[in-house]
Amino acid sequence: MTPGLADRILVSWYSETVAYAQENCDWYAPDSLGHLHYTVAKFIQSQLDEFYAEFSEWFNLAEFPDVLEQLQQPEVAVFLKAAGAPDEADYSSIENYDCFSGLRAVIRYRLDQRSLEQLTLAAELFNWTIDFGLSLCDTTGCAVIKVGSVADVAPFLLERMLSRIPDDTKQWAVYQAQPGGLEHCFLPLTEVLSMLKETVESAGWVQNQLALEIFFWIVNIYKVQVENESG
């Protein structure tokens, strides 16, 4: 049986700092795990490198709350070793060590499992690590990646699209006068995006073939636009 639209795996990410911004979204067939793994791992590992290079002071000073709750049992040893904890370290003192290095090692460990479930978990831990690592930072920076089924990722992706459409009248006039940009392209689709976002937040919406077709039509447009932005 040929996989349908609802069987696709979605990936959406964006990364922003004062120095640069990048964004992308794509979808993969269920049997394309190798390509999916390469794409997700490349983004996560490169962003961990770049964010630590730029914000190392903040990551080193950051408080990562309830670290142990973020880890599965086999990952605790991976964390402690990478965090520089002694062999006899008590798990209750896990937050006293180099948390960023420990979390990074666990993220890499999850990526190395090469399964969709572990890719999703690696993405979730990456988001958590960046979020808390920069929670006290006085410089703007963020990086987020979502990996999973259409049902799981569609709400996030549509929220991201809507966040890029200006809701201020003056901004709207500026984008109208500058054709060709993503904002200008998506302004006429604002109502469609809003209605579709309500749809994808309802249970079982992936059974609606028309909603799926409209969603992927919009995703393809958005993908082209963000690729054009990056040159």
Protein backbone atom coordinates (compact mmCIF):
# COMPACT_ATOMS: atom_id res chain seq x y z
CA MET A 1 0.00 0.00 0.00
CA THR A 2 1.42 3.37 -1.04
CA PRO A 3 1.95 5.73 1.93
CA GLY A 4 -0.46 8.66 1.92
CA LEU A 5 -0.08 12.28 2.94
CA ALA A 6 -0.92 11.45 6.56
CA ASP A 7 2.00 8.97 6.71
CA ARG A 8 4.65 11.56 5.91
CA ILE A 9 7.19 12.67 8.50
CA LEU A 10 7.50 16.42 8.93
CA VAL A 11 10.58 18.40 9.94
CA SER A 12 10.50 22.12 10.67
CA TRP A 13 13.23 24.26 12.16
CA TYR A 14 14.43 27.80 12.57
CA SER A 15 17.45 29.41 14.16
CA GLU A 16 17.95 33.10 14.84
CA THR A 17 20.73 35.18 16.38
CA VAL A 18 21.91 38.73 15.87
CA ALA A 19 24.43 37.45 13.33
CA TYR A 20 22.26 35.19 11.18
CA ALA A 21 18.92 33.49 10.67
CA GLN A 22 18.00 30.24 8.95
CA GLU A 23 14.82 28.28 8.51
CA ASN A 24 13.53 25.26 6.66
CA CYS A 25 10.72 22.76 6.56
CA ASP A 26 10.38 19.52 4.65
CA TRP A 27 8.63 16.19 4.62
CA TYR A 28 9.89 12.63 4.22
CA ALA A 29 8.35 9.31 3.29
CA PRO A 30 8.29 6.71 6.10
CA ASP A 31 11.02 4.70 4.32
CA SER A 32 13.40 7.69 4.06
CA LEU A 33 14.78 7.46 7.59
CA GLY A 34 18.39 7.68 6.41
CA HIS A 35 17.87 11.00 4.67
CA LEU A 36 15.75 12.25 7.55
CA HIS A 37 18.40 11.29 10.09
CA TYR A 38 21.12 13.05 8.12
CA THR A 39 19.09 16.27 7.88
CA VAL A 40 18.04 16.37 11.53
CA ALA A 41 21.44 15.37 12.91
CA LYS A 42 23.25 17.92 10.75
CA PHE A 43 21.02 20.77 11.96
CA ILE A 44 21.16 19.81 15.64
CA GLN A 45 24.89 19.19 15.78
CA SER A 46 25.80 22.32 13.82
CA GLN A 47 23.52 24.47 15.97
CA LEU A 48 24.97 23.08 19.19
CA ASP A 49 28.43 24.00 17.89
CA GLU A 50 27.44 27.47 16.72
CA PHE A 51 25.36 28.41 19.74
CA TYR A 52 28.01 27.28 22.19
CA ALA A 53 30.68 29.16 20.27
CA GLU A 54 28.61 32.35 20.48
CA PHE A 55 26.96 31.93 23.88
CA SER A 56 29.37 29.69 25.83
CA GLU A 57 29.40 32.00 28.86
CA TRP A 58 25.63 31.77 29.20
CA PHE A 59 25.49 28.02 28.66
CA ASN A 60 28.21 27.52 31.29
CA LEU A 61 26.31 29.68 33.82
CA ALA A 62 22.84 28.41 32.97
CA GLU A 63 20.71 26.46 35.41
CA PHE A 64 19.12 23.43 33.77
CA PRO A 65 16.25 22.48 36.10
CA ASP A 66 15.34 18.87 36.81
CA VAL A 67 17.91 17.47 34.42
CA LEU A 68 17.35 13.92 35.59
CA GLU A 69 13.70 14.13 34.53
CA GLN A 70 14.81 14.79 30.96
CA LEU A 71 16.84 11.58 30.78
CA GLN A 72 15.94 7.96 30.25
CA GLN A 73 17.69 5.50 32.56
CA PRO A 74 20.40 4.31 30.11
CA GLU A 75 21.23 7.95 29.36
CA VAL A 76 22.16 8.91 32.91
CA ALA A 77 25.58 7.26 32.66
CA VAL A 78 26.14 8.94 29.28
CA PHE A 79 25.32 12.31 30.82
CA LEU A 80 27.51 11.88 33.91
CA LYS A 81 30.55 10.75 31.94
CA ALA A 82 30.34 13.68 29.50
CA ALA A 83 29.57 16.14 32.33
CA GLY A 84 32.84 15.26 34.08
CA ALA A 85 31.26 13.61 37.09
CA PRO A 86 33.38 11.13 39.11
CA ASP A 87 32.53 7.44 38.85
CA GLU A 88 31.00 7.42 42.33
CA ALA A 89 28.82 10.49 41.67
CA ASP A 90 25.38 10.47 43.25
CA TYR A 91 22.58 10.90 40.74
CA SER A 92 20.99 13.49 43.02
CA SER A 93 23.99 15.77 42.41
CA ILE A 94 23.70 15.55 38.61
CA GLU A 95 23.14 19.29 38.21
CA ASN A 96 26.47 20.12 39.89
CA TYR A 97 28.49 19.11 36.84
CA ASP A 98 28.91 20.39 33.28
CA CYS A 99 25.26 20.10 32.29
CA PHE A 100 25.64 21.44 28.76
CA SER A 101 28.30 18.86 27.89
CA GLY A 102 26.20 16.14 29.48
CA LEU A 103 23.04 17.14 27.64
CA ARG A 104 24.94 17.41 24.37
CA ALA A 105 26.26 13.88 24.82
CA VAL A 106 22.74 12.55 25.45
CA ILE A 107 21.43 14.34 22.36
CA ARG A 108 24.20 12.72 20.32
CA TYR A 109 23.41 9.36 21.92
CA ARG A 110 19.77 9.66 20.85
CA LEU A 111 20.76 10.64 17.32
CA ASP A 112 23.03 7.60 17.11
CA GLN A 113 20.06 5.26 17.74
CA ARG A 114 18.81 6.07 14.22
CA SER A 115 15.11 5.60 14.88
CA LEU A 116 12.27 8.05 14.36
CA GLU A 117 11.37 7.89 18.04
CA GLN A 118 14.91 8.74 19.12
CA LEU A 119 15.24 11.49 16.50
CA THR A 120 12.10 13.05 17.93
CA LEU A 121 13.45 12.74 21.47
CA ALA A 122 16.80 14.23 20.40
CA ALA A 123 14.98 17.20 18.90
CA GLU A 124 12.96 17.70 22.08
CA LEU A 125 16.06 17.63 24.27
CA PHE A 126 17.86 20.00 21.89
CA ASN A 127 14.98 22.49 22.16
CA TRP A 128 14.98 22.20 25.94
CA THR A 129 18.76 22.65 26.15
CA ILE A 130 18.83 25.76 23.97
CA ASP A 131 15.81 27.27 25.72
CA PHE A 132 17.18 26.94 29.26
CA GLY A 133 20.78 27.55 28.19
CA LEU A 134 19.82 31.01 26.93
CA SER A 135 17.15 31.78 29.53
CA LEU A 136 19.34 34.43 31.21
CA CYS A 137 21.08 35.65 28.06
CA ASP A 138 20.88 39.37 27.30
CA THR A 139 21.32 38.77 23.56
CA THR A 140 18.54 37.50 21.34
CA GLY A 141 18.98 33.94 20.15
CA CYS A 142 16.80 30.90 19.62
CA ALA A 143 16.81 27.58 17.80
CA VAL A 144 13.92 25.14 17.53
CA ILE A 145 13.37 21.94 15.57
CA LYS A 146 10.26 19.77 15.42
CA VAL A 147 10.29 16.22 14.06
CA GLY A 148 7.37 13.86 13.87
CA SER A 149 4.09 12.91 12.26
CA VAL A 150 1.97 15.36 10.30
CA ALA A 151 -0.50 15.42 13.19
CA ASP A 152 2.23 16.31 15.69
CA VAL A 153 4.19 18.93 13.72
CA ALA A 154 1.49 20.69 11.68
CA PRO A 155 0.25 22.93 14.55
CA PHE A 156 3.79 24.14 15.26
CA LEU A 157 4.53 24.82 11.59
CA LEU A 158 1.31 26.74 10.99
CA GLU A 159 1.89 28.80 14.15
CA ARG A 160 5.35 29.64 12.82
CA MET A 161 3.91 30.72 9.47
CA LEU A 162 1.31 32.94 11.13
CA SER A 163 3.94 34.49 13.39
CA ARG A 164 5.76 35.79 10.33
CA ILE A 165 2.73 37.60 8.91
CA PRO A 166 2.52 41.19 10.19
CA ASP A 167 -0.62 42.10 12.10
CA ASP A 168 0.22 45.79 12.22
CA THR A 169 -1.34 47.99 9.52
CA LYS A 170 1.88 49.94 8.91
CA GLN A 171 3.93 46.78 8.56
CA TRP A 172 1.32 45.34 6.21
CA ALA A 173 1.62 48.42 3.96
CA VAL A 174 5.42 48.08 3.89
CA TYR A 175 5.29 44.43 2.84
CA GLN A 176 2.69 45.22 0.18
CA ALA A 177 5.07 47.74 -1.30
CA GLN A 178 7.93 45.21 -1.38
CA PRO A 179 6.70 42.26 -3.46
CA GLY A 180 8.60 39.01 -3.59
CA GLY A 181 9.20 38.38 0.11
CA LEU A 182 7.74 35.63 2.24
CA GLU A 183 5.51 38.02 4.15
CA HIS A 184 4.14 39.53 0.95
CA CYS A 185 3.46 36.04 -0.45
CA PHE A 186 1.59 34.85 2.65
CA LEU A 187 -0.47 37.95 3.41
CA PRO A 188 -3.35 36.83 1.14
CA LEU A 189 -3.32 33.43 2.86
CA THR A 190 -3.74 34.73 6.40
CA GLU A 191 -7.38 33.66 6.75
CA VAL A 192 -6.69 30.28 5.17
CA LEU A 193 -3.79 29.71 7.56
CA SER A 194 -5.90 30.69 10.57
CA MET A 195 -8.73 28.35 9.60
CA LEU A 196 -6.29 25.53 8.84
CA LYS A 197 -4.58 26.01 12.19
CA GLU A 198 -7.92 25.52 13.93
CA THR A 199 -8.47 22.39 11.87
CA VAL A 200 -5.10 20.78 12.68
CA GLU A 201 -5.67 21.31 16.39
CA SER A 202 -8.74 19.06 16.29
CA ALA A 203 -8.55 15.32 16.87
CA GLY A 204 -8.42 13.09 13.80
CA TRP A 205 -7.98 15.91 11.30
CA VAL A 206 -5.49 13.85 9.28
CA GLN A 207 -8.43 11.77 8.11
CA ASN A 208 -9.62 14.83 6.18
CA GLN A 209 -7.98 14.44 2.77
CA LEU A 210 -8.84 17.96 1.62
CA ALA A 211 -7.30 19.50 4.74
CA LEU A 212 -4.15 17.43 4.16
CA GLU A 213 -3.88 18.52 0.54
CA ILE A 214 -4.34 22.20 1.44
CA PHE A 215 -1.80 21.88 4.26
CA PHE A 216 0.91 20.37 2.04
CA TRP A 217 0.17 22.88 -0.72
CA ILE A 218 0.92 25.65 1.80
CA VAL A 219 3.97 23.81 3.17
CA ASN A 220 5.46 23.57 -0.32
CA ILE A 221 4.95 27.30 -0.87
CA TYR A 222 6.51 28.09 2.50
CA LYS A 223 9.47 25.78 1.83
CA VAL A 224 10.23 27.57 -1.44
CA GLN A 225 9.97 30.98 0.22
CA VAL A 226 12.32 30.19 3.13
CA GLU A 227 14.80 28.62 0.71
CA ASN A 228 14.69 31.79 -1.38
CA GLU A 229 15.39 33.84 1.75
CA SER A 230 18.51 31.82 2.51
CA GLY A 231 19.71 32.27 -1.05
